[in-house]
Amino acid sequence: MRGPLVPPLLPPLLERPPVITLTKTLPAPDAAYRTLLGHTLTCAACRAGAACPTVVQLGRAWRKARR
């Protein structure tokens, strides 16, 4: 019978790789435009020419990304 399983010891703090934190970034203009275009192609309200609050938000995000 084997002994208890023991997790490996962590290296000292100085030898650990740095922690990378991800921050929310604005999408690139191309990505924002593709998102807007993809929505307008799949949304029934957009295709019918009706008011769609999502397309308004996506349009604003695209204009903000272009700045």
Protein backbone atom coordinates (compact mmCIF):
# COMPACT_ATOMS: atom_id res chain seq x y z
CA MET A 1 0.00 0.00 0.00
CA ARG A 2 1.30 3.45 -0.90
CA GLY A 3 1.50 6.45 1.36
CA PRO A 4 -0.84 9.48 1.10
CA LEU A 5 -0.72 11.57 -2.04
CA VAL A 6 1.11 14.80 -1.36
CA PRO A 7 0.92 17.69 -3.85
CA PRO A 8 4.26 18.93 -5.14
CA LEU A 9 5.76 21.80 -3.24
CA LEU A 10 5.45 25.22 -4.82
CA PRO A 11 8.69 26.99 -5.69
CA PRO A 12 9.60 30.11 -3.72
CA LEU A 13 7.78 33.29 -4.69
CA LEU A 14 10.77 34.69 -6.56
CA GLU A 15 10.89 31.70 -8.90
CA ARG A 16 7.20 31.72 -9.79
CA PRO A 17 6.16 33.21 -13.13
CA PRO A 18 4.49 36.62 -12.88
CA VAL A 19 0.72 36.70 -12.61
CA ILE A 20 -0.85 38.24 -15.68
CA THR A 21 -4.17 39.94 -15.14
CA LEU A 22 -6.50 40.38 -18.04
CA THR A 23 -8.27 43.68 -18.38
CA LYS A 24 -11.29 44.47 -20.46
CA THR A 25 -10.11 46.15 -23.62
CA LEU A 26 -12.05 47.76 -26.39
CA PRO A 27 -12.36 45.65 -29.51
CA ALA A 28 -10.39 46.54 -32.59
CA PRO A 29 -12.40 48.49 -35.15
CA ASP A 30 -12.50 45.49 -37.51
CA ALA A 31 -13.79 43.16 -34.80
CA ALA A 32 -16.41 45.67 -33.67
CA TYR A 33 -17.57 46.16 -37.25
CA ARG A 34 -17.78 42.42 -37.84
CA THR A 35 -19.87 42.04 -34.70
CA LEU A 36 -22.19 44.81 -35.87
CA LEU A 37 -22.44 43.35 -39.35
CA GLY A 38 -23.02 39.83 -38.05
CA HIS A 39 -25.84 41.08 -35.85
CA THR A 40 -27.57 42.97 -38.63
CA LEU A 41 -27.42 39.89 -40.86
CA THR A 42 -28.95 37.57 -38.28
CA CYS A 43 -31.38 39.83 -36.38
CA ALA A 44 -34.93 39.66 -37.72
CA ALA A 45 -35.72 43.19 -36.53
CA CYS A 46 -32.64 44.63 -38.25
CA ARG A 47 -33.40 42.80 -41.49
CA ALA A 48 -36.99 44.11 -41.39
CA GLY A 49 -35.76 47.67 -40.81
CA ALA A 50 -37.35 47.91 -37.35
CA ALA A 51 -35.76 49.61 -34.36
CA CYS A 52 -33.27 47.33 -32.59
CA PRO A 53 -31.62 48.46 -29.33
CA THR A 54 -28.77 45.99 -29.77
CA VAL A 55 -27.70 47.45 -33.10
CA VAL A 56 -27.62 50.89 -31.49
CA GLN A 57 -25.23 49.65 -28.79
CA LEU A 58 -23.07 47.80 -31.32
CA GLY A 59 -22.92 50.87 -33.54
CA ARG A 60 -21.77 53.00 -30.63
CA ALA A 61 -19.11 50.44 -29.71
CA TRP A 62 -17.88 50.41 -33.30
CA ARG A 63 -17.64 54.20 -33.45
CA LYS A 64 -15.85 54.24 -30.08
CA ALA A 65 -13.36 51.61 -31.31
CA ARG A 66 -12.59 53.67 -34.43
CA ARG A 67 -11.50 56.69 -32.35
